[in-house]
Protein backbone atom coordinates (compact mmCIF):
# COMPACT_ATOMS: atom_id res chain seq x y z
CA MET A 1 -29.55 14.28 15.09
CA PHE A 2 -26.81 11.71 14.58
CA GLU A 3 -27.21 8.20 15.96
CA ILE A 4 -25.01 5.09 15.83
CA ARG A 5 -26.84 1.78 16.10
CA ARG A 6 -26.55 -1.84 15.02
CA PHE A 7 -27.43 -2.70 11.44
CA LYS A 8 -30.89 -4.13 10.84
CA ASN A 9 -32.48 -5.65 7.76
CA GLY A 10 -33.66 -2.88 5.48
CA ASP A 11 -30.48 -0.83 6.01
CA GLU A 12 -28.64 -2.54 3.17
CA ASP A 13 -29.58 -0.08 0.40
CA GLY A 14 -28.44 2.87 2.51
CA VAL A 15 -25.14 1.14 3.31
CA VAL A 16 -24.57 0.39 -0.38
CA ASN A 17 -25.13 4.06 -1.19
CA VAL A 18 -22.59 5.17 1.45
CA ILE A 19 -19.90 2.77 0.21
CA HIS A 20 -20.54 3.55 -3.47
CA ARG A 21 -20.48 7.31 -3.03
CA THR A 22 -17.41 7.36 -0.78
CA SER A 23 -15.51 5.08 -3.15
CA LEU A 24 -16.33 7.11 -6.25
CA GLU A 25 -16.10 10.59 -4.73
CA VAL A 26 -13.27 10.27 -2.17
CA ASN A 27 -11.18 7.13 -2.57
CA ILE A 28 -11.02 7.52 -6.33
CA ARG A 29 -8.52 10.32 -5.71
CA ASP A 30 -5.93 7.76 -4.60
CA TYR A 31 -6.86 4.66 -6.58
CA PRO A 32 -7.34 3.86 -10.25
CA LYS A 33 -10.88 4.49 -11.45
CA LYS A 34 -11.10 0.89 -12.64
CA ALA A 35 -10.39 -0.42 -9.14
CA MET A 36 -13.08 1.75 -7.56
CA GLU A 37 -15.61 0.73 -10.20
CA ALA A 38 -14.80 -2.94 -9.50
CA LEU A 39 -15.37 -2.33 -5.77
CA VAL A 40 -18.70 -0.67 -6.45
CA ASP A 41 -19.80 -3.61 -8.60
CA LYS A 42 -18.93 -5.97 -5.75
CA VAL A 43 -20.83 -4.10 -3.04
CA THR A 44 -24.47 -5.06 -3.53
CA PRO A 45 -27.33 -5.32 -1.01
CA GLU A 46 -26.69 -9.06 -0.87
CA PHE A 47 -23.00 -8.44 -0.09
CA VAL A 48 -23.94 -6.09 2.75
CA LEU A 49 -26.48 -8.51 4.21
CA LYS A 50 -23.87 -11.27 4.27
CA ARG A 51 -21.36 -8.97 5.97
CA ALA A 52 -23.99 -8.05 8.54
CA ARG A 53 -24.61 -11.74 9.28
CA ASP A 54 -20.91 -12.56 9.58
CA PHE A 55 -19.86 -9.49 11.60
CA HIS A 56 -21.28 -6.87 13.93
CA MET A 57 -22.19 -4.00 11.63
CA TYR A 58 -23.08 -0.51 12.82
CA VAL A 59 -24.63 2.39 10.91
CA ILE A 60 -24.63 6.14 11.49
CA THR A 61 -27.98 7.77 10.81
CA ASN A 62 -29.14 11.35 10.45
CA GLU A 63 -32.92 11.69 10.59
CA ASP A 64 -33.24 8.04 9.60
CA ASN A 65 -30.90 8.44 6.61
CA ILE A 66 -27.82 6.21 6.69
CA ILE A 67 -24.70 8.34 6.35
CA GLY A 68 -21.97 6.02 7.64
CA VAL A 69 -21.13 2.38 8.30
CA GLY A 70 -18.51 0.22 10.00
CA ALA A 71 -18.16 -3.37 11.17
CA VAL A 72 -16.04 -5.52 13.47
CA GLY A 73 -15.67 -9.28 13.45
CA PRO A 74 -13.26 -12.22 13.79
CA TYR A 75 -10.03 -12.20 11.82
CA TRP A 76 -10.28 -15.39 9.74
CA ASP A 77 -12.47 -17.06 12.40
CA SER A 78 -9.90 -16.43 15.12
CA ILE A 79 -11.13 -16.08 18.71
CA THR A 80 -8.11 -14.00 19.75
CA GLU A 81 -7.86 -11.66 16.74
CA SER A 82 -10.47 -9.40 15.17
CA SER A 83 -10.72 -6.98 12.26
CA LEU A 84 -12.47 -3.74 11.45
CA PHE A 85 -14.30 -3.70 8.13
CA ASN A 86 -15.98 -1.28 5.73
CA LEU A 87 -15.66 2.03 7.57
CA PHE A 88 -17.22 4.66 5.33
CA ILE A 89 -18.84 8.07 5.93
CA LEU A 90 -20.53 10.17 3.25
CA PRO A 91 -18.24 12.98 2.04
CA GLU A 92 -20.51 15.81 3.17
CA TYR A 93 -20.43 14.51 6.77
CA GLU A 94 -16.66 14.31 7.09
CA GLY A 95 -14.99 16.55 9.65
CA LYS A 96 -17.86 16.32 12.15
CA GLY A 97 -16.24 13.80 14.49
CA LEU A 98 -18.41 10.94 13.29
CA GLY A 99 -15.42 8.78 12.35
CA ARG A 100 -14.12 9.06 15.89
CA LYS A 101 -17.52 8.13 17.35
CA LEU A 102 -17.78 5.15 15.00
CA ILE A 103 -14.33 3.87 16.00
CA GLU A 104 -15.20 4.30 19.68
CA THR A 105 -18.40 2.30 19.13
CA LEU A 106 -16.58 -0.51 17.37
CA GLU A 107 -13.97 -0.61 20.11
CA GLN A 108 -16.73 -1.23 22.68
CA ASP A 109 -18.01 -4.25 20.77
CA GLU A 110 -17.41 -7.73 22.17
CA TYR A 111 -15.38 -8.77 19.11
CA TYR A 112 -12.96 -5.93 19.83
CA LYS A 113 -12.80 -6.43 23.59
CA ARG A 114 -11.99 -10.14 23.38
CA ALA A 115 -9.14 -9.69 20.89
CA ASP A 116 -5.42 -9.56 21.58
CA ARG A 117 -4.82 -8.07 18.15
CA ILE A 118 -6.99 -5.95 15.85
CA GLU A 119 -6.30 -5.63 12.14
CA VAL A 120 -7.71 -3.11 9.70
CA SER A 121 -7.19 -2.47 6.01
CA SER A 122 -6.87 1.28 5.53
CA SER A 123 -7.41 3.28 2.37
CA ILE A 124 -4.71 5.81 1.53
CA SER A 125 -6.87 8.76 2.58
CA ALA A 126 -7.78 7.14 5.94
CA LEU A 127 -4.23 6.23 6.98
CA GLU A 128 -3.61 9.13 9.35
CA PHE A 129 -7.09 8.70 10.85
CA TYR A 130 -6.29 5.15 11.94
CA ARG A 131 -2.79 6.05 13.09
CA TYR A 132 -4.34 8.70 15.34
CA PHE A 133 -6.25 5.91 17.09
CA GLY A 134 -3.11 3.83 17.61
CA TYR A 135 -3.25 1.51 14.62
CA GLY A 136 0.29 0.94 13.36
CA PHE A 137 1.80 -0.72 10.31
CA LYS A 138 1.87 -4.51 10.44
CA LYS A 139 5.25 -5.79 11.51
CA LEU A 140 5.00 -9.05 9.55
CA GLY A 141 4.37 -9.30 5.82
CA ASN A 142 3.92 -6.61 3.22
CA ILE A 143 2.79 -3.17 4.34
CA THR A 144 0.21 -2.85 1.58
CA ASP A 145 -2.10 -5.43 0.08
CA SER A 146 -2.52 -6.15 -3.62
CA GLY A 147 -5.05 -3.34 -3.96
CA GLY A 148 -2.80 -0.74 -2.36
CA ASP A 149 -4.55 -0.49 1.02
CA TYR A 150 -2.36 -0.22 4.11
CA LYS A 151 -2.39 -3.19 6.49
CA LEU A 152 -2.54 -1.91 10.07
CA GLU A 153 -2.83 -3.53 13.48
CA LYS A 154 -3.29 -2.68 17.14
CA PHE A 155 -2.77 -4.63 20.38
CA PRO A 156 -5.43 -3.28 22.76
CA LYS A 157 -4.97 -5.60 25.75
CA ILE A 158 -1.38 -4.61 26.32
CA SER A 159 -1.79 -0.95 25.34
CA TYR A 160 0.78 -1.38 22.60
CA ASP A 161 0.87 -0.23 19.04
CA ASN A 162 3.60 -0.26 16.44
CA ASN A 163 2.97 3.23 15.16
CA ASP A 164 6.57 3.59 14.06
CA LYS A 165 7.11 7.12 12.74
CA THR A 166 10.08 5.92 10.68
CA GLN A 167 8.22 3.10 8.92
CA TYR A 168 8.15 3.53 5.16
CA ASN A 169 5.09 2.81 3.04
CA MET A 170 4.67 1.92 -0.61
CA ARG A 171 1.53 3.05 -2.41
CA PRO A 172 0.67 2.00 -5.99
CA TYR A 173 1.63 4.39 -8.77
CA ILE A 174 -1.22 6.50 -10.10
CA ASN A 175 -1.26 9.65 -12.18
CA ASN A 176 -4.41 11.72 -12.05
CA GLU A 177 -5.65 15.19 -11.20
CA TYR A 178 -4.77 14.71 -7.53
CA HIS A 179 -1.32 13.08 -7.78
CA ASN A 180 1.26 13.91 -10.45
CA TYR A 181 3.50 10.93 -9.84
CA TYR A 182 4.60 10.75 -13.47
CA ASP A 183 6.75 13.89 -13.13
CA PHE A 184 7.86 12.90 -9.62
CA ILE A 185 9.21 9.53 -10.75
CA TYR A 186 10.90 11.06 -13.78
CA GLN A 187 12.77 13.55 -11.60
CA VAL A 188 13.76 10.90 -9.04
CA LYS A 189 15.00 8.61 -11.80
CA LYS A 190 16.90 11.47 -13.43
CA ASN A 191 18.61 12.36 -10.15
CA ALA A 192 19.62 8.73 -9.65
CA TYR A 193 20.94 7.90 -13.10
CA LYS A 194 21.89 11.12 -14.90
CA LYS A 195 25.59 10.89 -14.05
CA TYR A 196 25.77 7.25 -15.20
CA VAL A 197 23.99 8.03 -18.46
CA GLU A 198 26.42 10.89 -19.10
CA GLU A 199 29.41 8.65 -18.39
CA CYS A 200 28.09 5.91 -20.68
CA PHE A 201 26.69 7.99 -23.53
CA GLY A 202 28.48 11.32 -23.22
CA SER A 203 25.44 13.47 -22.42
CA TRP A 204 21.92 13.53 -21.05
CA VAL A 205 19.60 14.60 -23.87
CA GLU A 206 16.44 15.72 -22.13
CA GLU A 207 14.09 15.21 -25.06
CA ASP A 208 15.34 11.68 -25.67
CA GLN A 209 15.23 10.78 -21.99
CA GLN A 210 11.65 12.01 -21.72
CA LYS A 211 10.68 9.66 -24.56
CA TYR A 212 12.55 6.73 -22.98
CA PHE A 213 10.83 7.44 -19.68
CA GLU A 214 7.38 7.52 -21.24
CA ASP A 215 7.99 4.06 -22.70
CA PHE A 216 9.38 2.89 -19.34
CA ILE A 217 6.47 4.07 -17.19
CA ASN A 218 3.88 2.71 -19.60
CA GLN A 219 5.51 -0.71 -19.31
CA VAL A 220 5.95 -0.79 -15.51
CA LYS A 221 3.13 1.41 -14.17
CA ASP A 222 1.14 -1.55 -12.83
CA ASP A 223 4.18 -2.77 -10.88
CA THR A 224 5.47 0.57 -9.61
CA TYR A 225 5.13 2.01 -6.10
CA ILE A 226 5.73 5.39 -4.50
CA ILE A 227 7.95 5.13 -1.42
CA GLN A 228 6.81 7.32 1.47
CA LEU A 229 8.35 8.12 4.84
CA ASN A 230 6.33 10.00 7.46
CA GLY A 231 3.84 10.98 4.76
CA LYS A 232 6.50 12.40 2.41
CA ASP A 233 7.15 10.99 -1.05
CA ILE A 234 10.84 10.05 -1.01
CA GLY A 235 11.28 7.74 -4.00
CA PHE A 236 9.87 4.92 -6.07
CA TYR A 237 10.24 1.18 -6.59
CA ASN A 238 9.32 -1.16 -9.41
CA GLY A 239 9.67 -4.91 -9.87
CA LEU A 240 8.08 -7.67 -11.91
CA THR A 241 7.50 -11.43 -11.84
CA LEU A 242 8.86 -12.80 -15.11
CA ASP A 243 7.37 -15.48 -17.36
CA ASP A 244 9.66 -18.16 -15.89
CA GLY A 245 8.43 -17.41 -12.35
CA SER A 246 11.54 -15.54 -11.24
CA TYR A 247 11.36 -11.95 -9.96
CA GLU A 248 13.17 -8.95 -11.41
CA ILE A 249 14.01 -6.14 -9.00
CA GLY A 250 13.83 -3.01 -11.12
CA ASN A 251 14.58 0.35 -9.52
CA ILE A 252 14.83 1.48 -5.91
CA CYS A 253 15.41 5.21 -6.21
CA ILE A 254 15.45 7.63 -3.26
CA ILE A 255 15.53 11.44 -3.43
CA PRO A 256 18.92 12.96 -2.51
CA GLU A 257 18.06 14.25 0.99
CA TYR A 258 17.03 10.74 2.10
CA GLN A 259 19.99 8.90 0.62
CA GLY A 260 22.67 7.48 2.88
CA LYS A 261 20.16 6.68 5.63
CA GLY A 262 19.80 2.99 4.81
CA MET A 263 16.34 3.34 3.28
CA GLY A 264 17.28 1.74 -0.05
CA THR A 265 18.92 -1.22 1.67
CA LYS A 266 15.95 -1.70 4.00
CA ILE A 267 13.52 -1.72 1.08
CA LEU A 268 15.73 -4.10 -0.89
CA LYS A 269 15.88 -6.53 2.02
CA ASP A 270 12.10 -6.38 2.44
CA VAL A 271 11.58 -7.06 -1.28
CA MET A 272 13.99 -9.98 -1.08
CA GLU A 273 12.12 -11.42 1.89
CA LEU A 274 8.79 -11.01 0.15
CA HIS A 275 10.05 -12.87 -2.94
CA LYS A 276 12.39 -15.35 -1.25
CA GLU A 277 10.64 -18.29 -2.92
CA GLN A 278 11.61 -16.91 -6.34
CA ASP A 279 14.95 -16.52 -8.09
CA LEU A 280 15.83 -12.82 -7.93
CA HIS A 281 17.38 -10.83 -10.79
CA ILE A 282 18.96 -7.41 -10.54
CA GLN A 283 21.24 -5.25 -12.70
CA TYR A 284 23.12 -2.00 -12.21
CA PHE A 285 25.37 0.44 -14.07
CA LYS A 286 28.97 -0.72 -14.11
CA GLN A 287 30.12 2.56 -12.56
CA ASN A 288 27.78 2.10 -9.57
CA PRO A 289 29.56 0.60 -6.51
CA VAL A 290 26.28 -0.94 -5.29
CA GLY A 291 27.41 -4.36 -6.56
CA LYS A 292 29.34 -4.93 -3.32
CA LEU A 293 26.09 -4.58 -1.35
CA TYR A 294 24.35 -7.07 -3.63
CA GLU A 295 27.18 -9.56 -3.10
CA ARG A 296 26.83 -9.26 0.67
CA LEU A 297 23.12 -9.98 0.29
CA GLY A 298 23.77 -13.20 -1.62
CA PHE A 299 23.62 -12.15 -5.27
CA ILE A 300 26.12 -13.71 -7.67
CA PRO A 301 27.24 -12.61 -11.16
CA ASN A 302 24.91 -13.59 -13.97
CA GLY A 303 26.25 -11.86 -17.07
CA GLU A 304 26.66 -8.32 -18.29
CA THR A 305 25.70 -5.92 -21.06
CA ASP A 306 27.73 -3.05 -22.48
CA TYR A 307 26.74 -0.82 -19.58
CA HIS A 308 25.31 -3.06 -16.84
CA TYR A 309 26.34 -5.93 -14.61
CA GLN A 310 23.66 -8.55 -14.03
CA MET A 311 23.27 -10.65 -10.87
CA ILE A 312 21.01 -13.39 -9.57
CA LYS A 313 20.10 -14.71 -6.15
CA PRO A 314 18.72 -18.26 -6.29
CA SER A 315 15.54 -18.82 -4.32
CA GLU A 316 15.66 -20.55 -0.95
CA LYS A 317 13.92 -23.61 -2.36
CA HIS A 318 16.62 -23.94 -5.02
CA LEU A 319 19.40 -23.51 -2.48
CA LYS A 320 17.96 -26.35 -0.40
CA LYS A 321 18.17 -28.83 -3.26
């Protein structure tokens, strides 16, 4: 017999078990093992008790065993905005409609009903679940947080959501038994640059390029993202903050069937906005006509190599001086 009720002291060990197991058995498919282990270390009984004091926490029970948890509370102490927190259900109870019942319970809570806007941080695996309930991608700021979770929001009082079916997402690069992004990125990069490599060096030597790519991905893997559109992997992006504080825009590569639709330009503009307080560096093959786009976006020449043009866009704070 399933029941959803408010958290009470003594529930904390059961809640910890739910969060630990779900993180290490489900979410680990989409996140680095190190990140999930760090989360597990953070979630202690004391952590749960504090969350229960700060927010309205609910648990799902089955014959007095805690099998799920979720909470709702103020968004950074706001009285007009709220957030959902820590929604987890044990893996063996998924697919039984309990997630829906938990969301419905949270959306009857006073913190939800008083809010003009609701925000939730969604794991990769839970994205479509939240979108089903009308939570859309945040319109302002980055779409994902530093840990790779999606930042979603909903506007319940005006029956509005921004569940834009054309909104792209960027999820952190991982390569494990569930996602073979190593081969995906190699193929996307090959499709994007093969003709330029052949023009510059006379041929594309597969064995050599595989070795170059292995070195490349090992260097940038922590700053690389898979670009998705409507749930489909359509490309990748990488960039890096340099030692001098400036930002280097690396690659924005889109698979052929999604090229020419403005996706690359949209992503570039979003990256530029996100890093507008930093000087921006970018380079491209000399045969690539993309330099005209960069000029229109405010980049200026900043040197060249044998095969690449280099450009820079000074930060807004530098332009104001």
